[in-house]
Amino acid sequence: VKRSREEAMAFAKKLARQLRARPGRFEAMARKYSDDPVGARGGHLGTWALGKGIPEFESAVLRLQPGKVSAPVETPTGFHIIKRHATKR
C-alpha cells in the first residue's frame, strides 16, 4: 500500500479527469501510474467472460461505451480507471 484510501481516491479522480479530456493517453498513463502489473501492458486486460471478474469492475465496464473512460471505480483491490475498447458478443 503506497497511499491512504483518501489519497488513492483523490489521485484516481485527478487521473480520470485528465484521461477523460485526453483518452488517447490511457496506455501511457497506465504504464506510468498503475500500481497493478497490468499497467506494464498499458492497462490492457484482454477479453474475459462475464461473471469471471470482480463484480464492481464488470458493472462499470458494462456501463461504458467503447472509447470512453470511467470515473474511479472502487473494488476490493483498489481504485481503477477503465477505458473500454470494444464489445464482443
C-alpha atoms as a PDB file:
ATOM      1  CA  VAL A   1       0.000   0.000   0.000  1.00  0.00           C
ATOM      2  CA  LYS A   2       1.531   3.259  -1.155  1.00  0.00           C
ATOM      3  CA  ARG A   3      -1.331   5.661  -0.311  1.00  0.00           C
ATOM      4  CA  SER A   4      -4.175   6.036   2.135  1.00  0.00           C
ATOM      5  CA  ARG A   5      -7.657   5.316   0.762  1.00  0.00           C
ATOM      6  CA  GLU A   6      -8.364   9.062   0.619  1.00  0.00           C
ATOM      7  CA  GLU A   7      -5.102   9.814  -1.170  1.00  0.00           C
ATOM      8  CA  ALA A   8      -5.726   6.999  -3.664  1.00  0.00           C
ATOM      9  CA  MET A   9      -9.251   8.265  -4.417  1.00  0.00           C
ATOM     10  CA  ALA A  10      -8.074  11.848  -4.903  1.00  0.00           C
ATOM     11  CA  PHE A  11      -5.273  10.690  -7.205  1.00  0.00           C
ATOM     12  CA  ALA A  12      -7.651   8.442  -9.182  1.00  0.00           C
ATOM     13  CA  LYS A  13     -10.113  11.336  -9.626  1.00  0.00           C
ATOM     14  CA  LYS A  14      -7.315  13.576 -10.898  1.00  0.00           C
ATOM     15  CA  LEU A  15      -6.123  10.949 -13.395  1.00  0.00           C
ATOM     16  CA  ALA A  16      -9.689  10.198 -14.540  1.00  0.00           C
ATOM     17  CA  ARG A  17     -10.278  13.906 -15.292  1.00  0.00           C
ATOM     18  CA  GLN A  18      -7.086  14.039 -17.342  1.00  0.00           C
ATOM     19  CA  LEU A  19      -7.931  10.839 -19.216  1.00  0.00           C
ATOM     20  CA  ARG A  20     -11.483  11.905 -19.988  1.00  0.00           C
ATOM     21  CA  ALA A  21     -10.036  15.023 -21.614  1.00  0.00           C
ATOM     22  CA  ARG A  22      -7.366  13.016 -23.476  1.00  0.00           C
ATOM     23  CA  PRO A  23      -8.381   9.321 -23.673  1.00  0.00           C
ATOM     24  CA  GLY A  24      -5.573   8.639 -26.141  1.00  0.00           C
ATOM     25  CA  ARG A  25      -3.107   8.925 -23.246  1.00  0.00           C
ATOM     26  CA  PHE A  26      -4.612   5.941 -21.384  1.00  0.00           C
ATOM     27  CA  GLU A  27      -1.846   3.451 -22.219  1.00  0.00           C
ATOM     28  CA  ALA A  28       0.998   5.827 -21.359  1.00  0.00           C
ATOM     29  CA  MET A  29      -0.637   6.882 -18.101  1.00  0.00           C
ATOM     30  CA  ALA A  30      -1.374   3.273 -17.139  1.00  0.00           C
ATOM     31  CA  ARG A  31       2.296   2.411 -17.655  1.00  0.00           C
ATOM     32  CA  LYS A  32       3.390   5.401 -15.595  1.00  0.00           C
ATOM     33  CA  TYR A  33       0.885   5.418 -12.734  1.00  0.00           C
ATOM     34  CA  SER A  34      -0.702   1.972 -12.310  1.00  0.00           C
ATOM     35  CA  ASP A  35       0.180   0.023  -9.176  1.00  0.00           C
ATOM     36  CA  ASP A  36      -1.132  -3.146 -10.866  1.00  0.00           C
ATOM     37  CA  PRO A  37       1.075  -5.429 -13.006  1.00  0.00           C
ATOM     38  CA  VAL A  38      -1.332  -4.847 -15.929  1.00  0.00           C
ATOM     39  CA  GLY A  39      -0.046  -1.274 -16.057  1.00  0.00           C
ATOM     40  CA  ALA A  40       3.098  -2.533 -17.804  1.00  0.00           C
ATOM     41  CA  ARG A  41       0.819  -3.636 -20.663  1.00  0.00           C
ATOM     42  CA  GLY A  42      -0.728  -0.177 -20.936  1.00  0.00           C
ATOM     43  CA  GLY A  43      -3.686  -1.282 -18.819  1.00  0.00           C
ATOM     44  CA  HIS A  44      -4.910  -3.861 -21.363  1.00  0.00           C
ATOM     45  CA  LEU A  45      -6.811  -6.683 -19.680  1.00  0.00           C
ATOM     46  CA  GLY A  46      -7.831  -8.506 -22.820  1.00  0.00           C
ATOM     47  CA  THR A  47     -11.181 -10.247 -23.149  1.00  0.00           C
ATOM     48  CA  TRP A  48     -12.971 -12.237 -20.465  1.00  0.00           C
ATOM     49  CA  ALA A  49     -16.324 -13.910 -19.993  1.00  0.00           C
ATOM     50  CA  LEU A  50     -18.869 -12.031 -17.896  1.00  0.00           C
ATOM     51  CA  GLY A  51     -19.170 -13.368 -14.393  1.00  0.00           C
ATOM     52  CA  LYS A  52     -15.451 -14.177 -14.199  1.00  0.00           C
ATOM     53  CA  GLY A  53     -14.259 -10.806 -12.930  1.00  0.00           C
ATOM     54  CA  ILE A  54     -14.752  -8.547  -9.927  1.00  0.00           C
ATOM     55  CA  PRO A  55     -18.472  -7.591  -9.893  1.00  0.00           C
ATOM     56  CA  GLU A  56     -17.910  -3.855  -9.296  1.00  0.00           C
ATOM     57  CA  PHE A  57     -15.403  -3.755 -12.157  1.00  0.00           C
ATOM     58  CA  GLU A  58     -17.614  -5.687 -14.573  1.00  0.00           C
ATOM     59  CA  SER A  59     -20.595  -3.488 -13.771  1.00  0.00           C
ATOM     60  CA  ALA A  60     -18.555  -0.353 -14.546  1.00  0.00           C
ATOM     61  CA  VAL A  61     -17.298  -1.846 -17.826  1.00  0.00           C
ATOM     62  CA  LEU A  62     -20.840  -2.677 -18.929  1.00  0.00           C
ATOM     63  CA  ARG A  63     -21.951   0.935 -18.332  1.00  0.00           C
ATOM     64  CA  LEU A  64     -19.181   2.350 -20.552  1.00  0.00           C
ATOM     65  CA  GLN A  65     -19.457   2.960 -24.257  1.00  0.00           C
ATOM     66  CA  PRO A  66     -16.421   1.840 -26.300  1.00  0.00           C
ATOM     67  CA  GLY A  67     -13.731   4.513 -26.301  1.00  0.00           C
ATOM     68  CA  LYS A  68     -14.947   6.139 -23.081  1.00  0.00           C
ATOM     69  CA  VAL A  69     -13.089   6.430 -19.767  1.00  0.00           C
ATOM     70  CA  SER A  70     -14.757   5.774 -16.410  1.00  0.00           C
ATOM     71  CA  ALA A  71     -14.749   7.725 -13.201  1.00  0.00           C
ATOM     72  CA  PRO A  72     -12.734   5.925 -10.497  1.00  0.00           C
ATOM     73  CA  VAL A  73     -14.223   2.530  -9.628  1.00  0.00           C
ATOM     74  CA  GLU A  74     -13.553   1.113  -6.173  1.00  0.00           C
ATOM     75  CA  THR A  75     -13.185  -2.654  -5.791  1.00  0.00           C
ATOM     76  CA  PRO A  76     -11.712  -4.797  -3.007  1.00  0.00           C
ATOM     77  CA  THR A  77      -8.333  -4.498  -4.771  1.00  0.00           C
ATOM     78  CA  GLY A  78      -8.309  -0.696  -5.007  1.00  0.00           C
ATOM     79  CA  PHE A  79      -9.366   2.096  -7.347  1.00  0.00           C
ATOM     80  CA  HIS A  80      -9.492   1.597 -11.099  1.00  0.00           C
ATOM     81  CA  ILE A  81      -9.946   3.850 -14.115  1.00  0.00           C
ATOM     82  CA  ILE A  82     -11.342   1.900 -17.033  1.00  0.00           C
ATOM     83  CA  LYS A  83     -11.237   2.574 -20.745  1.00  0.00           C
ATOM     84  CA  ARG A  84     -13.480   0.270 -22.702  1.00  0.00           C
ATOM     85  CA  HIS A  85     -12.014  -0.595 -26.081  1.00  0.00           C
ATOM     86  CA  ALA A  86     -14.640  -2.803 -27.712  1.00  0.00           C
ATOM     87  CA  THR A  87     -17.614  -5.039 -27.175  1.00  0.00           C
ATOM     88  CA  LYS A  88     -17.582  -8.644 -28.309  1.00  0.00           C
ATOM     89  CA  ARG A  89     -20.750 -10.657 -28.377  1.00  0.00           C
END
